[in-house]
């Protein structure tokens, strides 16, 4: 993943235009973990902005719900990276309802895959 799942909380918050993925360190003073989270999410946001979801496929599998749809949407998906005091977040948005549905399906699958290390925001 690029960061320690046991030392972080992964939150997936769907909304009307897509959703927010946030990862924060359980210990807000853990500067190394926070740096790892930021590096991972920044790189993820850059790849996803370019339509490259291969890292997500490698972690979660090619058949992950919503993934194939997201790989095909191109400019219909906006991906924005933001730092947080104790981690970072990636905001995914689209005006296309099919893209929003794919994002919600993808979030649900990640919640399931990450198990105890993730929560619905």
PDB file of N, CA and C in Angstrom:
ATOM      1  N   UNK A   1       0.811  -1.198   0.000  1.00  0.00           N
ATOM      2  CA  UNK A   1       0.000   0.000   0.000  1.00  0.00           C
ATOM      3  C   UNK A   1       0.856   1.264   0.000  1.00  0.00           C
ATOM      4  N   UNK A   2       2.026   1.227   0.574  1.00  0.00           N
ATOM      5  CA  UNK A   2       2.804   2.442   0.672  1.00  0.00           C
ATOM      6  C   UNK A   2       2.749   3.053   2.062  1.00  0.00           C
ATOM      7  N   UNK A   3       1.861   2.545   2.903  1.00  0.00           N
ATOM      8  CA  UNK A   3       1.771   2.973   4.291  1.00  0.00           C
ATOM      9  C   UNK A   3       1.263   1.799   5.110  1.00  0.00           C
ATOM     10  N   UNK A   4       1.409   1.894   6.417  1.00  0.00           N
ATOM     11  CA  UNK A   4       1.052   0.812   7.327  1.00  0.00           C
ATOM     12  C   UNK A   4      -0.452   0.846   7.612  1.00  0.00           C
ATOM     13  N   UNK A   5      -1.168  -0.166   7.171  1.00  0.00           N
ATOM     14  CA  UNK A   5      -2.613  -0.208   7.381  1.00  0.00           C
ATOM     15  C   UNK A   5      -2.984  -0.199   8.862  1.00  0.00           C
ATOM     16  N   UNK A   6      -2.181  -0.833   9.693  1.00  0.00           N
ATOM     17  CA  UNK A   6      -2.481  -0.875  11.123  1.00  0.00           C
ATOM     18  C   UNK A   6      -2.282   0.485  11.799  1.00  0.00           C
ATOM     19  N   UNK A   7      -1.480   1.347  11.184  1.00  0.00           N
ATOM     20  CA  UNK A   7      -1.173   2.649  11.779  1.00  0.00           C
ATOM     21  C   UNK A   7      -2.035   3.772  11.219  1.00  0.00           C
ATOM     22  N   UNK A   8      -2.986   3.406  10.353  1.00  0.00           N
ATOM     23  CA  UNK A   8      -3.799   4.417   9.675  1.00  0.00           C
ATOM     24  C   UNK A   8      -5.276   4.043   9.684  1.00  0.00           C
ATOM     25  N   UNK A   9      -6.102   5.018   9.342  1.00  0.00           N
ATOM     26  CA  UNK A   9      -7.524   4.789   9.120  1.00  0.00           C
ATOM     27  C   UNK A   9      -7.825   5.240   7.699  1.00  0.00           C
ATOM     28  N   UNK A  10      -8.467   4.379   6.960  1.00  0.00           N
ATOM     29  CA  UNK A  10      -8.827   4.618   5.554  1.00  0.00           C
ATOM     30  C   UNK A  10     -10.337   4.856   5.530  1.00  0.00           C
ATOM     31  N   UNK A  11     -10.766   6.058   5.131  1.00  0.00           N
ATOM     32  CA  UNK A  11     -12.195   6.389   5.114  1.00  0.00           C
ATOM     33  C   UNK A  11     -12.660   6.618   3.683  1.00  0.00           C
ATOM     34  N   UNK A  12     -13.805   6.070   3.369  1.00  0.00           N
ATOM     35  CA  UNK A  12     -14.431   6.252   2.062  1.00  0.00           C
ATOM     36  C   UNK A  12     -15.798   6.890   2.285  1.00  0.00           C
ATOM     37  N   UNK A  13     -15.966   8.095   1.767  1.00  0.00           N
ATOM     38  CA  UNK A  13     -17.195   8.850   1.976  1.00  0.00           C
ATOM     39  C   UNK A  13     -17.835   9.161   0.627  1.00  0.00           C
ATOM     40  N   UNK A  14     -18.847   8.406   0.236  1.00  0.00           N
ATOM     41  CA  UNK A  14     -19.531   8.712  -1.021  1.00  0.00           C
ATOM     42  C   UNK A  14     -20.360   9.991  -0.871  1.00  0.00           C
ATOM     43  N   UNK A  15     -20.543  10.694  -1.972  1.00  0.00           N
ATOM     44  CA  UNK A  15     -21.420  11.861  -1.981  1.00  0.00           C
ATOM     45  C   UNK A  15     -22.120  11.956  -3.340  1.00  0.00           C
ATOM     46  N   UNK A  16     -22.889  12.993  -3.543  1.00  0.00           N
ATOM     47  CA  UNK A  16     -23.704  13.112  -4.756  1.00  0.00           C
ATOM     48  C   UNK A  16     -22.891  13.242  -6.040  1.00  0.00           C
ATOM     49  N   UNK A  17     -21.644  13.704  -5.946  1.00  0.00           N
ATOM     50  CA  UNK A  17     -20.825  13.886  -7.145  1.00  0.00           C
ATOM     51  C   UNK A  17     -19.684  12.887  -7.239  1.00  0.00           C
ATOM     52  N   UNK A  18     -19.609  11.951  -6.318  1.00  0.00           N
ATOM     53  CA  UNK A  18     -18.532  10.958  -6.317  1.00  0.00           C
ATOM     54  C   UNK A  18     -18.196  10.540  -4.913  1.00  0.00           C
ATOM     55  N   UNK A  19     -17.089  11.080  -4.393  1.00  0.00           N
ATOM     56  CA  UNK A  19     -16.740  10.743  -3.027  1.00  0.00           C
ATOM     57  C   UNK A  19     -15.349  11.175  -2.640  1.00  0.00           C
ATOM     58  N   UNK A  20     -15.047  10.954  -1.366  1.00  0.00           N
ATOM     59  CA  UNK A  20     -13.758  11.329  -0.796  1.00  0.00           C
ATOM     60  C   UNK A  20     -13.128  10.103  -0.156  1.00  0.00           C
ATOM     61  N   UNK A  21     -11.876   9.863  -0.499  1.00  0.00           N
ATOM     62  CA  UNK A  21     -11.057   8.833   0.132  1.00  0.00           C
ATOM     63  C   UNK A  21     -10.048   9.574   1.008  1.00  0.00           C
ATOM     64  N   UNK A  22     -10.064   9.326   2.290  1.00  0.00           N
ATOM     65  CA  UNK A  22      -9.125   9.974   3.207  1.00  0.00           C
ATOM     66  C   UNK A  22      -8.371   8.914   3.991  1.00  0.00           C
ATOM     67  N   UNK A  23      -7.077   9.139   4.162  1.00  0.00           N
ATOM     68  CA  UNK A  23      -6.256   8.255   4.980  1.00  0.00           C
ATOM     69  C   UNK A  23      -5.551   9.132   6.000  1.00  0.00           C
ATOM     70  N   UNK A  24      -5.710   8.771   7.269  1.00  0.00           N
ATOM     71  CA  UNK A  24      -5.081   9.528   8.344  1.00  0.00           C
ATOM     72  C   UNK A  24      -4.327   8.590   9.274  1.00  0.00           C
ATOM     73  N   UNK A  25      -3.295   9.129   9.868  1.00  0.00           N
ATOM     74  CA  UNK A  25      -2.507   8.360  10.833  1.00  0.00           C
ATOM     75  C   UNK A  25      -3.290   8.249  12.140  1.00  0.00           C
ATOM     76  N   UNK A  26      -3.274   7.079  12.736  1.00  0.00           N
ATOM     77  CA  UNK A  26      -3.927   6.904  14.043  1.00  0.00           C
ATOM     78  C   UNK A  26      -3.236   7.771  15.101  1.00  0.00           C
ATOM     79  N   UNK A  27      -1.917   7.940  14.949  1.00  0.00           N
ATOM     80  CA  UNK A  27      -1.145   8.795  15.843  1.00  0.00           C
ATOM     81  C   UNK A  27      -0.824  10.076  15.076  1.00  0.00           C
ATOM     82  N   UNK A  28      -1.491  11.189  15.396  1.00  0.00           N
ATOM     83  CA  UNK A  28      -1.273  12.431  14.647  1.00  0.00           C
ATOM     84  C   UNK A  28       0.146  12.985  14.773  1.00  0.00           C
ATOM     85  N   UNK A  29       0.958  12.412  15.647  1.00  0.00           N
ATOM     86  CA  UNK A  29       2.349  12.825  15.777  1.00  0.00           C
ATOM     87  C   UNK A  29       3.317  11.953  14.994  1.00  0.00           C
ATOM     88  N   UNK A  30       2.807  10.944  14.305  1.00  0.00           N
ATOM     89  CA  UNK A  30       3.653  10.014  13.552  1.00  0.00           C
ATOM     90  C   UNK A  30       3.988  10.616  12.183  1.00  0.00           C
ATOM     91  N   UNK A  31       5.022  11.460  12.162  1.00  0.00           N
ATOM     92  CA  UNK A  31       5.380  12.188  10.951  1.00  0.00           C
ATOM     93  C   UNK A  31       5.783  11.268   9.802  1.00  0.00           C
ATOM     94  N   UNK A  32       6.427  10.156  10.107  1.00  0.00           N
ATOM     95  CA  UNK A  32       6.847   9.220   9.063  1.00  0.00           C
ATOM     96  C   UNK A  32       5.623   8.584   8.392  1.00  0.00           C
ATOM     97  N   UNK A  33       4.663   8.162   9.196  1.00  0.00           N
ATOM     98  CA  UNK A  33       3.449   7.544   8.633  1.00  0.00           C
ATOM     99  C   UNK A  33       2.656   8.570   7.820  1.00  0.00           C
ATOM    100  N   UNK A  34       2.553   9.785   8.326  1.00  0.00           N
ATOM    101  CA  UNK A  34       1.841  10.839   7.608  1.00  0.00           C
ATOM    102  C   UNK A  34       2.510  11.104   6.266  1.00  0.00           C
ATOM    103  N   UNK A  35       3.833  11.147   6.236  1.00  0.00           N
ATOM    104  CA  UNK A  35       4.561  11.346   4.978  1.00  0.00           C
ATOM    105  C   UNK A  35       4.305  10.193   4.008  1.00  0.00           C
ATOM    106  N   UNK A  36       4.280   8.963   4.530  1.00  0.00           N
ATOM    107  CA  UNK A  36       4.004   7.794   3.678  1.00  0.00           C
ATOM    108  C   UNK A  36       2.601   7.863   3.092  1.00  0.00           C
ATOM    109  N   UNK A  37       1.623   8.243   3.920  1.00  0.00           N
ATOM    110  CA  UNK A  37       0.235   8.373   3.447  1.00  0.00           C
ATOM    111  C   UNK A  37       0.164   9.414   2.339  1.00  0.00           C
ATOM    112  N   UNK A  38       0.761  10.557   2.571  1.00  0.00           N
ATOM    113  CA  UNK A  38       0.720  11.634   1.583  1.00  0.00           C
ATOM    114  C   UNK A  38       1.372  11.233   0.278  1.00  0.00           C
ATOM    115  N   UNK A  39       2.526  10.595   0.362  1.00  0.00           N
ATOM    116  CA  UNK A  39       3.219  10.163  -0.862  1.00  0.00           C
ATOM    117  C   UNK A  39       2.370   9.168  -1.644  1.00  0.00           C
ATOM    118  N   UNK A  40       1.770   8.225  -0.937  1.00  0.00           N
ATOM    119  CA  UNK A  40       0.951   7.208  -1.601  1.00  0.00           C
ATOM    120  C   UNK A  40      -0.277   7.828  -2.262  1.00  0.00           C
ATOM    121  N   UNK A  41      -1.004   8.655  -1.527  1.00  0.00           N
ATOM    122  CA  UNK A  41      -2.229   9.225  -2.092  1.00  0.00           C
ATOM    123  C   UNK A  41      -1.940  10.239  -3.193  1.00  0.00           C
ATOM    124  N   UNK A  42      -0.850  10.977  -3.080  1.00  0.00           N
ATOM    125  CA  UNK A  42      -0.505  11.918  -4.146  1.00  0.00           C
ATOM    126  C   UNK A  42      -0.187  11.178  -5.439  1.00  0.00           C
ATOM    127  N   UNK A  43       0.589  10.108  -5.336  1.00  0.00           N
ATOM    128  CA  UNK A  43       0.908   9.299  -6.517  1.00  0.00           C
ATOM    129  C   UNK A  43      -0.349   8.638  -7.073  1.00  0.00           C
ATOM    130  N   UNK A  44      -1.207   8.140  -6.195  1.00  0.00           N
ATOM    131  CA  UNK A  44      -2.466   7.523  -6.616  1.00  0.00           C
ATOM    132  C   UNK A  44      -3.327   8.541  -7.373  1.00  0.00           C
ATOM    133  N   UNK A  45      -3.440   9.739  -6.846  1.00  0.00           N
ATOM    134  CA  UNK A  45      -4.255  10.778  -7.489  1.00  0.00           C
ATOM    135  C   UNK A  45      -3.702  11.130  -8.868  1.00  0.00           C
ATOM    136  N   UNK A  46      -2.392  11.204  -8.996  1.00  0.00           N
ATOM    137  CA  UNK A  46      -1.783  11.497 -10.300  1.00  0.00           C
ATOM    138  C   UNK A  46      -2.095  10.396 -11.308  1.00  0.00           C
ATOM    139  N   UNK A  47      -1.947   9.142 -10.890  1.00  0.00           N
ATOM    140  CA  UNK A  47      -2.237   8.013 -11.796  1.00  0.00           C
ATOM    141  C   UNK A  47      -3.718   7.988 -12.167  1.00  0.00           C
ATOM    142  N   UNK A  48      -4.590   8.130 -11.164  1.00  0.00           N
ATOM    143  CA  UNK A  48      -6.026   8.075 -11.429  1.00  0.00           C
ATOM    144  C   UNK A  48      -6.464   9.234 -12.323  1.00  0.00           C
ATOM    145  N   UNK A  49      -5.862  10.403 -12.148  1.00  0.00           N
ATOM    146  CA  UNK A  49      -6.184  11.552 -13.007  1.00  0.00           C
ATOM    147  C   UNK A  49      -5.869  11.256 -14.469  1.00  0.00           C
ATOM    148  N   UNK A  50      -4.854  10.430 -14.675  1.00  0.00           N
ATOM    149  CA  UNK A  50      -4.449  10.055 -16.032  1.00  0.00           C
ATOM    150  C   UNK A  50      -5.198   8.820 -16.530  1.00  0.00           C
ATOM    151  N   UNK A  51      -6.143   8.317 -15.736  1.00  0.00           N
ATOM    152  CA  UNK A  51      -6.905   7.142 -16.133  1.00  0.00           C
ATOM    153  C   UNK A  51      -6.195   5.828 -15.871  1.00  0.00           C
ATOM    154  N   UNK A  52      -5.118   5.861 -15.114  1.00  0.00           N
ATOM    155  CA  UNK A  52      -4.333   4.664 -14.809  1.00  0.00           C
ATOM    156  C   UNK A  52      -4.747   4.114 -13.448  1.00  0.00           C
ATOM    157  N   UNK A  53      -5.538   3.051 -13.470  1.00  0.00           N
ATOM    158  CA  UNK A  53      -6.003   2.407 -12.246  1.00  0.00           C
ATOM    159  C   UNK A  53      -5.303   1.059 -12.035  1.00  0.00           C
ATOM    160  N   UNK A  54      -4.143   0.878 -12.684  1.00  0.00           N
ATOM    161  CA  UNK A  54      -3.451  -0.408 -12.604  1.00  0.00           C
ATOM    162  C   UNK A  54      -3.004  -0.745 -11.187  1.00  0.00           C
ATOM    163  N   UNK A  55      -2.620   0.259 -10.393  1.00  0.00           N
ATOM    164  CA  UNK A  55      -2.203  -0.022  -9.018  1.00  0.00           C
ATOM    165  C   UNK A  55      -3.384  -0.531  -8.195  1.00  0.00           C
ATOM    166  N   UNK A  56      -4.556   0.061  -8.392  1.00  0.00           N
ATOM    167  CA  UNK A  56      -5.754  -0.416  -7.683  1.00  0.00           C
ATOM    168  C   UNK A  56      -6.087  -1.839  -8.113  1.00  0.00           C
ATOM    169  N   UNK A  57      -5.939  -2.116  -9.400  1.00  0.00           N
ATOM    170  CA  UNK A  57      -6.205  -3.463  -9.903  1.00  0.00           C
ATOM    171  C   UNK A  57      -5.212  -4.464  -9.326  1.00  0.00           C
ATOM    172  N   UNK A  58      -3.942  -4.047  -9.186  1.00  0.00           N
ATOM    173  CA  UNK A  58      -2.921  -4.941  -8.636  1.00  0.00           C
ATOM    174  C   UNK A  58      -3.208  -5.274  -7.172  1.00  0.00           C
ATOM    175  N   UNK A  59      -3.727  -4.301  -6.423  1.00  0.00           N
ATOM    176  CA  UNK A  59      -4.015  -4.517  -5.003  1.00  0.00           C
ATOM    177  C   UNK A  59      -5.323  -5.278  -4.808  1.00  0.00           C
ATOM    178  N   UNK A  60      -6.353  -4.878  -5.553  1.00  0.00           N
ATOM    179  CA  UNK A  60      -7.705  -5.386  -5.306  1.00  0.00           C
ATOM    180  C   UNK A  60      -8.211  -6.372  -6.355  1.00  0.00           C
ATOM    181  N   UNK A  61      -7.514  -6.494  -7.481  1.00  0.00           N
ATOM    182  CA  UNK A  61      -7.932  -7.410  -8.528  1.00  0.00           C
ATOM    183  C   UNK A  61      -8.642  -6.698  -9.674  1.00  0.00           C
ATOM    184  N   UNK A  62      -8.482  -7.236 -10.856  1.00  0.00           N
ATOM    185  CA  UNK A  62      -9.074  -6.657 -12.072  1.00  0.00           C
ATOM    186  C   UNK A  62     -10.605  -6.643 -12.034  1.00  0.00           C
ATOM    187  N   UNK A  63     -11.207  -7.565 -11.275  1.00  0.00           N
ATOM    188  CA  UNK A  63     -12.661  -7.683 -11.232  1.00  0.00           C
ATOM    189  C   UNK A  63     -13.315  -6.826 -10.146  1.00  0.00           C
ATOM    190  N   UNK A  64     -12.546  -5.943  -9.546  1.00  0.00           N
ATOM    191  CA  UNK A  64     -13.084  -5.094  -8.489  1.00  0.00           C
ATOM    192  C   UNK A  64     -14.249  -4.268  -9.027  1.00  0.00           C
ATOM    193  N   UNK A  65     -15.405  -4.274  -8.347  1.00  0.00           N
ATOM    194  CA  UNK A  65     -16.566  -3.505  -8.818  1.00  0.00           C
ATOM    195  C   UNK A  65     -16.216  -2.033  -9.042  1.00  0.00           C
ATOM    196  N   UNK A  66     -16.673  -1.500 -10.166  1.00  0.00           N
ATOM    197  CA  UNK A  66     -16.479  -0.102 -10.519  1.00  0.00           C
ATOM    198  C   UNK A  66     -15.168   0.205 -11.206  1.00  0.00           C
ATOM    199  N   UNK A  67     -14.169  -0.664 -11.071  1.00  0.00           N
ATOM    200  CA  UNK A  67     -12.829  -0.370 -11.568  1.00  0.00           C
ATOM    201  C   UNK A  67     -12.774  -0.265 -13.090  1.00  0.00           C
ATOM    202  N   UNK A  68     -13.328  -1.224 -13.795  1.00  0.00           N
ATOM    203  CA  UNK A  68     -13.284  -1.175 -15.256  1.00  0.00           C
ATOM    204  C   UNK A  68     -14.015   0.039 -15.797  1.00  0.00           C
ATOM    205  N   UNK A  69     -15.121   0.415 -15.171  1.00  0.00           N
ATOM    206  CA  UNK A  69     -15.859   1.604 -15.602  1.00  0.00           C
ATOM    207  C   UNK A  69     -15.016   2.858 -15.392  1.00  0.00           C
ATOM    208  N   UNK A  70     -14.324   2.945 -14.266  1.00  0.00           N
ATOM    209  CA  UNK A  70     -13.502   4.119 -13.982  1.00  0.00           C
ATOM    210  C   UNK A  70     -12.317   4.224 -14.938  1.00  0.00           C
ATOM    211  N   UNK A  71     -11.765   3.089 -15.333  1.00  0.00           N
ATOM    212  CA  UNK A  71     -10.652   3.105 -16.282  1.00  0.00           C
ATOM    213  C   UNK A  71     -11.073   3.666 -17.634  1.00  0.00           C
ATOM    214  N   UNK A  72     -12.353   3.601 -17.940  1.00  0.00           N
ATOM    215  CA  UNK A  72     -12.832   3.992 -19.269  1.00  0.00           C
ATOM    216  C   UNK A  72     -13.434   5.395 -19.332  1.00  0.00           C
ATOM    217  N   UNK A  73     -13.520   6.125 -18.222  1.00  0.00           N
ATOM    218  CA  UNK A  73     -14.280   7.376 -18.231  1.00  0.00           C
ATOM    219  C   UNK A  73     -13.507   8.598 -18.718  1.00  0.00           C
ATOM    220  N   UNK A  74     -12.203   8.535 -18.712  1.00  0.00           N
ATOM    221  CA  UNK A  74     -11.411   9.663 -19.202  1.00  0.00           C
ATOM    222  C   UNK A  74     -11.692  10.955 -18.459  1.00  0.00           C
ATOM    223  N   UNK A  75     -11.961  12.005 -19.222  1.00  0.00           N
ATOM    224  CA  UNK A  75     -12.114  13.348 -18.648  1.00  0.00           C
ATOM    225  C   UNK A  75     -13.423  13.541 -17.881  1.00  0.00           C
ATOM    226  N   UNK A  76     -14.275  12.517 -17.825  1.00  0.00           N
ATOM    227  CA  UNK A  76     -15.512  12.634 -17.059  1.00  0.00           C
ATOM    228  C   UNK A  76     -15.277  12.557 -15.549  1.00  0.00           C
ATOM    229  N   UNK A  77     -14.057  12.171 -15.157  1.00  0.00           N
ATOM    230  CA  UNK A  77     -13.711  12.032 -13.749  1.00  0.00           C
ATOM    231  C   UNK A  77     -12.655  13.065 -13.376  1.00  0.00           C
ATOM    232  N   UNK A  78     -12.912  13.806 -12.307  1.00  0.00           N
ATOM    233  CA  UNK A  78     -11.935  14.742 -11.763  1.00  0.00           C
ATOM    234  C   UNK A  78     -11.392  14.167 -10.464  1.00  0.00           C
ATOM    235  N   UNK A  79     -10.081  14.193 -10.320  1.00  0.00           N
ATOM    236  CA  UNK A  79      -9.416  13.648  -9.133  1.00  0.00           C
ATOM    237  C   UNK A  79      -8.545  14.750  -8.540  1.00  0.00           C
ATOM    238  N   UNK A  80      -8.755  15.034  -7.251  1.00  0.00           N
ATOM    239  CA  UNK A  80      -8.032  16.122  -6.598  1.00  0.00           C
ATOM    240  C   UNK A  80      -7.407  15.653  -5.287  1.00  0.00           C
ATOM    241  N   UNK A  81      -6.115  15.878  -5.146  1.00  0.00           N
ATOM    242  CA  UNK A  81      -5.354  15.509  -3.948  1.00  0.00           C
ATOM    243  C   UNK A  81      -5.258  16.710  -3.009  1.00  0.00           C
ATOM    244  N   UNK A  82      -5.415  16.460  -1.701  1.00  0.00           N
ATOM    245  CA  UNK A  82      -5.289  17.501  -0.688  1.00  0.00           C
ATOM    246  C   UNK A  82      -4.603  16.915   0.541  1.00  0.00           C
ATOM    247  N   UNK A  83      -3.657  17.665   1.128  1.00  0.00           N
ATOM    248  CA  UNK A  83      -3.058  17.199   2.379  1.00  0.00           C
ATOM    249  C   UNK A  83      -3.992  17.538   3.539  1.00  0.00           C
ATOM    250  N   UNK A  84      -3.912  16.725   4.568  1.00  0.00           N
ATOM    251  CA  UNK A  84      -4.609  16.941   5.835  1.00  0.00           C
ATOM    252  C   UNK A  84      -3.542  17.016   6.928  1.00  0.00           C
ATOM    253  N   UNK A  85      -3.838  17.597   8.072  1.00  0.00           N
ATOM    254  CA  UNK A  85      -2.826  17.683   9.132  1.00  0.00           C
ATOM    255  C   UNK A  85      -2.241  16.319   9.519  1.00  0.00           C
ATOM    256  N   UNK A  86      -3.056  15.266   9.454  1.00  0.00           N
ATOM    257  CA  UNK A  86      -2.613  13.938   9.861  1.00  0.00           C
ATOM    258  C   UNK A  86      -2.645  12.911   8.730  1.00  0.00           C
ATOM    259  N   UNK A  87      -2.629  13.383   7.466  1.00  0.00           N
ATOM    260  CA  UNK A  87      -2.646  12.476   6.316  1.00  0.00           C
ATOM    261  C   UNK A  87      -2.961  13.211   5.042  1.00  0.00           C
ATOM    262  N   UNK A  88      -3.896  12.637   4.271  1.00  0.00           N
ATOM    263  CA  UNK A  88      -4.268  13.241   2.993  1.00  0.00           C
ATOM    264  C   UNK A  88      -5.617  12.705   2.547  1.00  0.00           C
ATOM    265  N   UNK A  89      -6.170  13.344   1.525  1.00  0.00           N
ATOM    266  CA  UNK A  89      -7.426  12.867   0.952  1.00  0.00           C
ATOM    267  C   UNK A  89      -7.388  13.052  -0.553  1.00  0.00           C
ATOM    268  N   UNK A  90      -8.203  12.244  -1.216  1.00  0.00           N
ATOM    269  CA  UNK A  90      -8.405  12.355  -2.656  1.00  0.00           C
ATOM    270  C   UNK A  90      -9.904  12.498  -2.869  1.00  0.00           C
ATOM    271  N   UNK A  91     -10.278  13.553  -3.586  1.00  0.00           N
ATOM    272  CA  UNK A  91     -11.679  13.803  -3.902  1.00  0.00           C
ATOM    273  C   UNK A  91     -11.914  13.408  -5.348  1.00  0.00           C
ATOM    274  N   UNK A  92     -12.899  12.557  -5.546  1.00  0.00           N
ATOM    275  CA  UNK A  92     -13.285  12.083  -6.876  1.00  0.00           C
ATOM    276  C   UNK A  92     -14.633  12.698  -7.207  1.00  0.00           C
ATOM    277  N   UNK A  93     -14.748  13.308  -8.399  1.00  0.00           N
ATOM    278  CA  UNK A  93     -16.037  13.905  -8.735  1.00  0.00           C
ATOM    279  C   UNK A  93     -16.330  13.804 -10.225  1.00  0.00           C
ATOM    280  N   UNK A  94     -17.627  13.797 -10.509  1.00  0.00           N
ATOM    281  CA  UNK A  94     -18.102  13.736 -11.884  1.00  0.00           C
ATOM    282  C   UNK A  94     -19.546  14.216 -11.924  1.00  0.00           C
ATOM    283  N   UNK A  95     -19.917  14.795 -13.053  1.00  0.00           N
ATOM    284  CA  UNK A  95     -21.310  15.183 -13.272  1.00  0.00           C
ATOM    285  C   UNK A  95     -22.093  14.053 -13.923  1.00  0.00           C
ATOM    286  N   UNK A  96     -21.399  12.990 -14.309  1.00  0.00           N
ATOM    287  CA  UNK A  96     -22.017  11.856 -14.992  1.00  0.00           C
ATOM    288  C   UNK A  96     -22.504  10.835 -13.961  1.00  0.00           C
ATOM    289  N   UNK A  97     -23.797  10.542 -13.920  1.00  0.00           N
ATOM    290  CA  UNK A  97     -24.322   9.608 -12.905  1.00  0.00           C
ATOM    291  C   UNK A  97     -23.733   8.199 -13.005  1.00  0.00           C
ATOM    292  N   UNK A  98     -23.352   7.762 -14.199  1.00  0.00           N
ATOM    293  CA  UNK A  98     -22.742   6.439 -14.332  1.00  0.00           C
ATOM    294  C   UNK A  98     -21.354   6.400 -13.687  1.00  0.00           C
ATOM    295  N   UNK A  99     -20.621   7.500 -13.804  1.00  0.00           N
ATOM    296  CA  UNK A  99     -19.303   7.589 -13.173  1.00  0.00           C
ATOM    297  C   UNK A  99     -19.466   7.627 -11.655  1.00  0.00           C
ATOM    298  N   UNK A 100     -20.429   8.393 -11.172  1.00  0.00           N
ATOM    299  CA  UNK A 100     -20.688   8.464  -9.730  1.00  0.00           C
ATOM    300  C   UNK A 100     -21.050   7.075  -9.198  1.00  0.00           C
ATOM    301  N   UNK A 101     -21.879   6.347  -9.921  1.00  0.00           N
ATOM    302  CA  UNK A 101     -22.237   4.982  -9.500  1.00  0.00           C
ATOM    303  C   UNK A 101     -21.000   4.089  -9.459  1.00  0.00           C
ATOM    304  N   UNK A 102     -20.143   4.189 -10.485  1.00  0.00           N
ATOM    305  CA  UNK A 102     -18.914   3.387 -10.505  1.00  0.00           C
ATOM    306  C   UNK A 102     -18.022   3.727  -9.313  1.00  0.00           C
ATOM    307  N   UNK A 103     -17.929   5.015  -8.977  1.00  0.00           N
ATOM    308  CA  UNK A 103     -17.150   5.415  -7.802  1.00  0.00           C
ATOM    309  C   UNK A 103     -17.726   4.824  -6.524  1.00  0.00           C
ATOM    310  N   UNK A 104     -19.049   4.871  -6.387  1.00  0.00           N
ATOM    311  CA  UNK A 104     -19.689   4.315  -5.194  1.00  0.00           C
ATOM    312  C   UNK A 104     -19.474   2.806  -5.110  1.00  0.00           C
ATOM    313  N   UNK A 105     -19.561   2.112  -6.241  1.00  0.00           N
ATOM    314  CA  UNK A 105     -19.304   0.665  -6.259  1.00  0.00           C
ATOM    315  C   UNK A 105     -17.854   0.379  -5.865  1.00  0.00           C
ATOM    316  N   UNK A 106     -16.950   1.191  -6.379  1.00  0.00           N
ATOM    317  CA  UNK A 106     -15.525   1.042  -6.099  1.00  0.00           C
ATOM    318  C   UNK A 106     -15.245   1.293  -4.622  1.00  0.00           C
ATOM    319  N   UNK A 107     -15.860   2.335  -4.051  1.00  0.00           N
ATOM    320  CA  UNK A 107     -15.703   2.615  -2.628  1.00  0.00           C
ATOM    321  C   UNK A 107     -16.205   1.442  -1.787  1.00  0.00           C
ATOM    322  N   UNK A 108     -17.378   0.921  -2.119  1.00  0.00           N
ATOM    323  CA  UNK A 108     -17.938  -0.207  -1.370  1.00  0.00           C
ATOM    324  C   UNK A 108     -16.995  -1.406  -1.411  1.00  0.00           C
ATOM    325  N   UNK A 109     -16.422  -1.676  -2.574  1.00  0.00           N
ATOM    326  CA  UNK A 109     -15.497  -2.809  -2.706  1.00  0.00           C
ATOM    327  C   UNK A 109     -14.237  -2.577  -1.870  1.00  0.00           C
ATOM    328  N   UNK A 110     -13.742  -1.348  -1.850  1.00  0.00           N
ATOM    329  CA  UNK A 110     -12.552  -1.055  -1.044  1.00  0.00           C
ATOM    330  C   UNK A 110     -12.853  -1.195   0.444  1.00  0.00           C
ATOM    331  N   UNK A 111     -14.027  -0.746   0.855  1.00  0.00           N
ATOM    332  CA  UNK A 111     -14.406  -0.921   2.258  1.00  0.00           C
ATOM    333  C   UNK A 111     -14.373  -2.395   2.644  1.00  0.00           C
ATOM    334  N   UNK A 112     -14.882  -3.232   1.772  1.00  0.00           N
ATOM    335  CA  UNK A 112     -14.906  -4.659   2.018  1.00  0.00           C
ATOM    336  C   UNK A 112     -13.486  -5.229   2.022  1.00  0.00           C
ATOM    337  N   UNK A 113     -12.682  -4.859   1.033  1.00  0.00           N
ATOM    338  CA  UNK A 113     -11.323  -5.395   0.909  1.00  0.00           C
ATOM    339  C   UNK A 113     -10.422  -4.967   2.068  1.00  0.00           C
ATOM    340  N   UNK A 114     -10.543  -3.723   2.496  1.00  0.00           N
ATOM    341  CA  UNK A 114      -9.673  -3.215   3.549  1.00  0.00           C
ATOM    342  C   UNK A 114     -10.116  -3.657   4.940  1.00  0.00           C
ATOM    343  N   UNK A 115     -11.336  -4.173   5.035  1.00  0.00           N
ATOM    344  CA  UNK A 115     -11.815  -4.733   6.291  1.00  0.00           C
ATOM    345  C   UNK A 115     -11.705  -3.788   7.467  1.00  0.00           C
ATOM    346  N   UNK A 116     -11.057  -4.247   8.517  1.00  0.00           N
ATOM    347  CA  UNK A 116     -10.962  -3.480   9.768  1.00  0.00           C
ATOM    348  C   UNK A 116     -10.136  -2.205   9.624  1.00  0.00           C
ATOM    349  N   UNK A 117      -9.401  -2.069   8.512  1.00  0.00           N
ATOM    350  CA  UNK A 117      -8.556  -0.900   8.310  1.00  0.00           C
ATOM    351  C   UNK A 117      -9.290   0.244   7.596  1.00  0.00           C
ATOM    352  N   UNK A 118     -10.562   0.039   7.288  1.00  0.00           N
ATOM    353  CA  UNK A 118     -11.332   1.059   6.564  1.00  0.00           C
ATOM    354  C   UNK A 118     -12.666   1.275   7.223  1.00  0.00           C
ATOM    355  N   UNK A 119     -13.202   2.462   6.978  1.00  0.00           N
ATOM    356  CA  UNK A 119     -14.527   2.762   7.503  1.00  0.00           C
ATOM    357  C   UNK A 119     -15.259   3.675   6.532  1.00  0.00           C
ATOM    358  N   UNK A 120     -16.574   3.613   6.635  1.00  0.00           N
ATOM    359  CA  UNK A 120     -17.432   4.488   5.848  1.00  0.00           C
ATOM    360  C   UNK A 120     -17.406   5.852   6.519  1.00  0.00           C
ATOM    361  N   UNK A 121     -17.102   6.882   5.734  1.00  0.00           N
ATOM    362  CA  UNK A 121     -16.981   8.232   6.310  1.00  0.00           C
ATOM    363  C   UNK A 121     -18.284   8.930   6.529  1.00  0.00           C
TER     364      UNK A 121
END
